[in-house]
Amino acid sequence: MNTHKWYFIVNPVAGNSRGTKHWHKIQFLLERAGITYDFGVSGYPRHSTHLATYAISKGYRHIAAIGGDGTINEVINGIFNQTQVPTAEITFGVIPMGTGNDWVKTHKIPTNYKAAIRILKNNKTQKHDVGKVYYYTKEHQQKSRYFINVAGLAYDAFVTKASQNRPKYGSSQLYYLYLIARCISQYKPTPIKFIFDGEEITHNFFNITIGQCRYNGGGTNLVPHANPKDGLFAFTLFKDVKAWEVIFKAPKFYTGSITRHKEAFMAQAKHIRIEAPKETPAFVEVDGEWLGQSPIEFHMLASAINITIP
């Protein structure tokens, strides 16, 4: 096996089925660029995870996702779930085909698939941090998941859970703004203990965002200080934020300027733990997928994988 040969994992329903519509054009451009590859097509939830693990077991060391943030997360979990090869020997690439495409924004990877293919062709890489989160199900079983972009708790997790039945078509950003407005009257902050590198803050937090990268929710930028190669989680805690501020200051969520709010606290840490009363647990989502509840722990895997960049 030529370890420089790519294995593409295609999500055919990503981005309003853009993956299906453009796959033949992408194949033509890959071949014209001289990129040798094989591919697998995802057919059900978490299938992309299995395909990534399978590809590595067959000798592939260059794995690419053709899809959105959910596909990226599934592929990353497949890469990190396997133990056959150190993840630092894997190169990960993306041809963005999602509705939100949040992870690529930090790296300035274009959503135009022709330009994305040129990035794969050039094979310029950098190390990238990956997070691992431990959480509990409502049946009190501990589980874990890897993530490469952003995690959210409190209001962010509340909105994400409400978005699980989102329509397949339409703007991710507009739908997220709609959810923010719809959910604001339903959400009630509860006590959360936030412990980071030995320090702790307890409050009825309105929102908590933790990330290696900067964007989630269709482009919101609540951790503008995130750096995906510094070995640290960036986090922003919002304490007492009024409902009217969320609605009328929504544009600031996308520019990152909302983090200058007097109730925002920004810092970085290698290890984070979240605790909450059993009767009012804290909930967590990563990369747009709602996971479970507290106690929750975040562990940093610094420089854990290579990614292709412009």
Protein backbone atom coordinates (compact mmCIF):
# COMPACT_ATOMS: atom_id res chain seq x y z
CA MET A 1 0.00 0.00 0.00
CA ASN A 2 1.23 3.46 -0.97
CA THR A 3 0.77 5.39 2.28
CA HIS A 4 0.44 8.65 0.30
CA LYS A 5 -2.70 7.37 -1.40
CA TRP A 6 -5.81 9.13 -0.13
CA TYR A 7 -8.93 7.46 1.20
CA PHE A 8 -12.00 9.69 0.81
CA ILE A 9 -15.03 9.23 3.02
CA VAL A 10 -18.07 10.65 1.25
CA ASN A 11 -21.23 11.70 3.08
CA PRO A 12 -23.83 11.71 0.27
CA VAL A 13 -26.44 13.68 2.25
CA ALA A 14 -24.15 16.41 3.63
CA GLY A 15 -24.99 20.01 2.75
CA ASN A 16 -28.39 19.33 1.20
CA SER A 17 -26.88 16.35 -0.69
CA ARG A 18 -24.05 18.41 -2.21
CA GLY A 19 -21.79 15.40 -1.73
CA THR A 20 -23.94 13.38 -4.12
CA LYS A 21 -24.45 16.19 -6.63
CA HIS A 22 -20.76 16.99 -7.03
CA TRP A 23 -19.01 13.68 -6.39
CA HIS A 24 -18.46 12.83 -10.07
CA LYS A 25 -17.00 16.30 -10.71
CA ILE A 26 -14.76 15.92 -7.67
CA GLN A 27 -13.54 12.53 -8.93
CA PHE A 28 -12.67 14.06 -12.30
CA LEU A 29 -10.72 16.91 -10.66
CA LEU A 30 -8.87 14.54 -8.31
CA GLU A 31 -7.74 12.43 -11.24
CA ARG A 32 -6.76 15.49 -13.26
CA ALA A 33 -4.70 16.71 -10.29
CA GLY A 34 -2.88 13.38 -10.18
CA ILE A 35 -4.21 12.49 -6.72
CA THR A 36 -4.41 8.72 -6.29
CA TYR A 37 -7.27 7.61 -4.07
CA ASP A 38 -9.90 5.11 -3.07
CA PHE A 39 -13.17 5.99 -1.39
CA GLY A 40 -16.05 4.78 0.73
CA VAL A 41 -19.58 6.18 0.93
CA SER A 42 -21.27 6.63 4.29
CA GLY A 43 -24.67 4.96 4.44
CA TYR A 44 -25.86 5.40 8.04
CA PRO A 45 -25.03 7.32 11.26
CA ARG A 46 -21.45 6.72 12.48
CA HIS A 47 -20.62 4.81 9.28
CA SER A 48 -17.92 7.39 8.51
CA THR A 49 -16.26 6.43 11.81
CA HIS A 50 -16.13 2.78 10.78
CA LEU A 51 -14.84 3.69 7.31
CA ALA A 52 -11.96 5.71 8.78
CA THR A 53 -10.92 2.85 11.06
CA TYR A 54 -11.21 0.41 8.17
CA ALA A 55 -9.08 2.60 5.89
CA ILE A 56 -6.25 2.78 8.42
CA SER A 57 -6.37 -0.99 8.93
CA LYS A 58 -5.85 -1.37 5.17
CA GLY A 59 -2.75 0.82 5.17
CA TYR A 60 -4.10 4.28 4.28
CA ARG A 61 -2.42 7.15 6.12
CA HIS A 62 -4.11 10.04 4.26
CA ILE A 63 -7.81 10.25 5.15
CA ALA A 64 -10.19 12.93 3.86
CA ALA A 65 -13.80 13.76 4.66
CA ILE A 66 -16.19 14.97 1.98
CA GLY A 67 -18.97 16.45 4.06
CA GLY A 68 -19.64 18.90 6.86
CA ASP A 69 -18.74 19.25 10.52
CA GLY A 70 -20.64 16.12 11.51
CA THR A 71 -18.76 14.04 8.94
CA ILE A 72 -15.46 15.53 10.09
CA ASN A 73 -16.25 14.58 13.69
CA GLU A 74 -17.17 11.02 12.72
CA VAL A 75 -13.97 10.56 10.71
CA ILE A 76 -11.81 11.99 13.52
CA ASN A 77 -13.38 9.53 15.94
CA GLY A 78 -12.61 6.67 13.58
CA ILE A 79 -8.98 7.79 13.36
CA PHE A 80 -8.61 8.10 17.13
CA ASN A 81 -10.59 4.99 18.10
CA GLN A 82 -8.10 2.73 16.34
CA THR A 83 -4.86 1.68 18.03
CA GLN A 84 -3.00 0.14 15.09
CA VAL A 85 -1.23 3.36 14.05
CA PRO A 86 -0.24 6.46 16.07
CA THR A 87 -2.56 9.28 15.04
CA ALA A 88 0.46 11.56 14.56
CA GLU A 89 1.22 9.46 11.45
CA ILE A 90 -2.18 10.26 9.90
CA THR A 91 -2.85 13.23 7.61
CA PHE A 92 -6.43 14.48 7.56
CA GLY A 93 -7.97 16.58 4.80
CA VAL A 94 -11.40 17.98 3.97
CA ILE A 95 -13.45 18.85 0.92
CA PRO A 96 -16.18 20.90 2.64
CA MET A 97 -19.72 19.94 1.68
CA GLY A 98 -21.72 20.78 4.80
CA THR A 99 -24.31 23.44 5.58
CA GLY A 100 -22.27 25.14 8.32
CA ASN A 101 -18.65 24.20 7.51
CA ASP A 102 -17.49 25.72 10.79
CA TRP A 103 -14.21 23.85 11.33
CA VAL A 104 -12.71 24.97 8.01
CA LYS A 105 -13.32 28.66 8.84
CA THR A 106 -10.51 28.71 11.41
CA HIS A 107 -8.08 27.29 8.85
CA LYS A 108 -9.36 29.41 5.95
CA ILE A 109 -10.00 26.28 3.89
CA PRO A 110 -12.33 27.37 1.06
CA THR A 111 -15.73 25.75 0.62
CA ASN A 112 -15.16 25.73 -3.14
CA TYR A 113 -14.28 22.10 -3.86
CA LYS A 114 -11.87 23.01 -6.68
CA ALA A 115 -9.79 25.11 -4.28
CA ALA A 116 -10.03 22.44 -1.58
CA ILE A 117 -8.64 19.85 -4.00
CA ARG A 118 -5.66 22.13 -4.71
CA ILE A 119 -4.92 22.15 -0.97
CA LEU A 120 -4.89 18.34 -0.92
CA LYS A 121 -2.65 18.34 -3.98
CA ASN A 122 -0.14 20.73 -2.38
CA ASN A 123 -0.10 18.59 0.79
CA LYS A 124 1.04 21.42 3.08
CA THR A 125 0.37 20.24 6.62
CA GLN A 126 0.41 21.37 10.23
CA LYS A 127 -0.12 19.66 13.58
CA HIS A 128 -3.57 19.97 15.13
CA ASP A 129 -4.83 19.47 18.68
CA VAL A 130 -7.73 17.14 19.39
CA GLY A 131 -9.94 17.08 22.47
CA LYS A 132 -11.43 14.10 24.24
CA VAL A 133 -14.54 14.57 26.35
CA TYR A 134 -15.84 12.16 28.97
CA TYR A 135 -19.52 12.42 29.87
CA TYR A 136 -22.45 10.39 31.21
CA THR A 137 -25.70 9.21 29.67
CA LYS A 138 -28.99 9.68 31.52
CA GLU A 139 -28.62 6.02 32.52
CA HIS A 140 -25.35 7.03 34.28
CA GLN A 141 -23.04 5.20 31.88
CA GLN A 142 -19.75 6.96 31.18
CA LYS A 143 -18.86 7.46 27.53
CA SER A 144 -16.25 9.45 25.63
CA ARG A 145 -15.91 11.18 22.29
CA TYR A 146 -13.15 12.97 20.41
CA PHE A 147 -13.66 16.40 18.87
CA ILE A 148 -11.58 18.71 16.71
CA ASN A 149 -13.57 21.94 16.76
CA VAL A 150 -15.83 23.34 19.51
CA ALA A 151 -17.80 22.03 22.48
CA GLY A 152 -20.70 23.82 24.13
CA LEU A 153 -22.51 23.62 27.46
CA ALA A 154 -25.41 25.39 29.13
CA TYR A 155 -27.36 27.41 26.54
CA ASP A 156 -25.25 26.14 23.63
CA ALA A 157 -26.07 22.51 24.50
CA PHE A 158 -29.72 23.45 25.04
CA VAL A 159 -29.94 24.94 21.54
CA THR A 160 -28.04 22.01 19.99
CA LYS A 161 -30.47 19.51 21.49
CA ALA A 162 -33.35 21.52 20.05
CA SER A 163 -31.65 21.48 16.63
CA GLN A 164 -31.38 17.69 16.34
CA ASN A 165 -34.53 17.57 14.22
CA ARG A 166 -33.52 20.51 12.03
CA PRO A 167 -34.78 20.52 8.43
CA LYS A 168 -32.38 19.02 5.89
CA TYR A 169 -32.49 22.06 3.63
CA GLY A 170 -31.82 25.75 4.11
CA SER A 171 -29.26 28.01 5.72
CA SER A 172 -27.48 26.66 8.79
CA GLN A 173 -26.82 30.20 10.06
CA LEU A 174 -30.42 31.36 9.67
CA TYR A 175 -31.75 28.23 11.34
CA TYR A 176 -29.35 28.65 14.26
CA LEU A 177 -30.45 32.28 14.71
CA TYR A 178 -34.06 31.10 14.68
CA LEU A 179 -33.26 28.53 17.38
CA ILE A 180 -31.46 31.12 19.52
CA ALA A 181 -34.57 33.30 19.46
CA ARG A 182 -36.97 30.37 20.01
CA CYS A 183 -35.05 28.76 22.87
CA ILE A 184 -34.18 31.89 24.83
CA SER A 185 -37.54 32.01 26.63
CA GLN A 186 -37.33 28.31 27.54
CA TYR A 187 -33.80 28.18 28.94
CA LYS A 188 -33.16 28.62 32.65
CA PRO A 189 -29.51 28.69 33.83
CA THR A 190 -28.65 26.27 36.64
CA PRO A 191 -25.59 25.97 38.95
CA ILE A 192 -22.41 24.69 37.29
CA LYS A 193 -18.96 24.25 38.82
CA PHE A 194 -16.29 24.92 36.18
CA ILE A 195 -12.85 23.59 37.16
CA PHE A 196 -9.83 24.37 34.98
CA ASP A 197 -6.20 23.51 35.70
CA GLY A 198 -6.84 23.55 39.45
CA GLU A 199 -8.95 26.72 39.56
CA GLU A 200 -12.73 26.76 39.82
CA ILE A 201 -15.69 29.06 39.27
CA THR A 202 -19.26 28.22 40.33
CA HIS A 203 -22.16 30.14 38.83
CA ASN A 204 -25.50 29.82 37.08
CA PHE A 205 -23.70 30.16 33.75
CA PHE A 206 -25.73 31.31 30.78
CA ASN A 207 -23.32 29.77 28.27
CA ILE A 208 -20.01 27.90 28.13
CA THR A 209 -17.95 27.44 24.97
CA ILE A 210 -14.74 25.36 24.80
CA GLY A 211 -12.69 24.95 21.64
CA GLN A 212 -9.49 24.21 19.83
CA CYS A 213 -10.93 26.18 16.90
CA ARG A 214 -13.08 29.30 16.82
CA TYR A 215 -16.40 28.79 15.05
CA ASN A 216 -19.56 26.77 15.60
CA GLY A 217 -23.31 27.12 15.16
CA GLY A 218 -23.11 28.24 11.54
CA GLY A 219 -20.36 30.79 12.17
CA THR A 220 -20.69 32.04 15.75
CA ASN A 221 -17.29 33.00 17.17
CA LEU A 222 -17.36 32.68 20.96
CA VAL A 223 -13.74 31.53 21.41
CA PRO A 224 -11.79 33.98 19.21
CA HIS A 225 -8.65 33.25 21.27
CA ALA A 226 -8.62 29.56 20.25
CA ASN A 227 -5.46 28.24 18.61
CA PRO A 228 -5.61 24.66 17.23
CA LYS A 229 -1.89 24.05 17.68
CA ASP A 230 -1.06 25.50 21.12
CA GLY A 231 -2.02 22.46 23.21
CA LEU A 232 -4.70 24.37 25.13
CA PHE A 233 -8.48 24.57 25.21
CA ALA A 234 -9.76 28.12 24.82
CA PHE A 235 -12.95 28.77 26.75
CA THR A 236 -15.43 31.57 27.28
CA LEU A 237 -17.86 31.63 30.20
CA PHE A 238 -20.91 33.89 30.07
CA LYS A 239 -22.43 34.55 33.46
CA ASP A 240 -25.50 36.78 33.63
CA VAL A 241 -26.66 37.60 30.12
CA LYS A 242 -30.14 39.00 29.51
CA ALA A 243 -32.48 37.44 26.96
CA TRP A 244 -32.87 40.72 25.08
CA GLU A 245 -29.08 40.95 24.67
CA VAL A 246 -28.94 37.53 23.02
CA ILE A 247 -31.58 38.58 20.49
CA PHE A 248 -30.50 42.16 19.76
CA LYS A 249 -26.75 41.56 19.92
CA ALA A 250 -26.85 38.40 17.79
CA PRO A 251 -24.49 39.86 15.11
CA LYS A 252 -21.75 40.16 17.76
CA PHE A 253 -21.86 36.39 18.22
CA TYR A 254 -20.48 36.08 14.69
CA THR A 255 -17.75 38.72 14.91
CA GLY A 256 -16.35 37.55 18.25
CA SER A 257 -16.98 40.98 19.78
CA ILE A 258 -19.62 39.55 22.14
CA THR A 259 -16.70 38.19 24.19
CA ARG A 260 -16.00 41.79 25.29
CA HIS A 261 -19.29 41.68 27.22
CA LYS A 262 -18.80 42.54 30.91
CA GLU A 263 -20.20 39.13 31.89
CA ALA A 264 -17.74 37.18 29.73
CA PHE A 265 -14.67 35.44 31.14
CA MET A 266 -12.03 34.11 28.73
CA ALA A 267 -9.05 31.89 29.47
CA GLN A 268 -7.22 28.71 28.39
CA ALA A 269 -6.55 25.36 30.04
CA LYS A 270 -5.24 21.85 29.39
CA HIS A 271 -7.81 20.08 31.55
CA ILE A 272 -11.40 21.08 32.31
CA ARG A 273 -14.00 19.44 34.54
CA ILE A 274 -17.67 20.38 34.86
CA GLU A 275 -19.80 19.39 37.83
CA ALA A 276 -23.45 20.13 38.59
CA PRO A 277 -26.16 18.98 41.03
CA LYS A 278 -27.72 15.62 40.11
CA GLU A 279 -31.17 17.17 39.91
CA THR A 280 -29.97 19.83 37.42
CA PRO A 281 -27.10 18.27 35.43
CA ALA A 282 -25.04 20.21 32.92
CA PHE A 283 -25.28 19.02 29.31
CA VAL A 284 -22.63 18.98 26.58
CA GLU A 285 -22.43 19.00 22.78
CA VAL A 286 -19.34 18.70 20.60
CA ASP A 287 -18.99 19.65 16.94
CA GLY A 288 -22.76 20.13 16.78
CA GLU A 289 -23.71 16.76 18.28
CA TRP A 290 -25.53 16.60 21.60
CA LEU A 291 -23.86 13.98 23.83
CA GLY A 292 -24.92 13.77 27.46
CA GLN A 293 -24.55 15.16 30.94
CA SER A 294 -22.26 15.91 33.87
CA PRO A 295 -19.87 15.18 35.38
CA ILE A 296 -17.93 16.08 32.23
CA GLU A 297 -14.17 16.14 31.66
CA PHE A 298 -12.11 17.54 28.80
CA HIS A 299 -8.63 16.19 28.07
CA MET A 300 -6.27 17.75 25.53
CA LEU A 301 -4.34 15.66 22.99
CA ALA A 302 -1.76 18.17 21.78
CA SER A 303 -0.44 18.02 18.20
CA ALA A 304 -2.27 14.73 17.80
CA ILE A 305 -2.86 14.71 14.04
CA ASN A 306 -1.68 16.36 10.81
CA ILE A 307 -4.11 18.39 8.71
CA THR A 308 -3.78 19.84 5.22
CA ILE A 309 -3.93 23.64 5.09
CA PRO A 310 -3.79 26.38 2.41
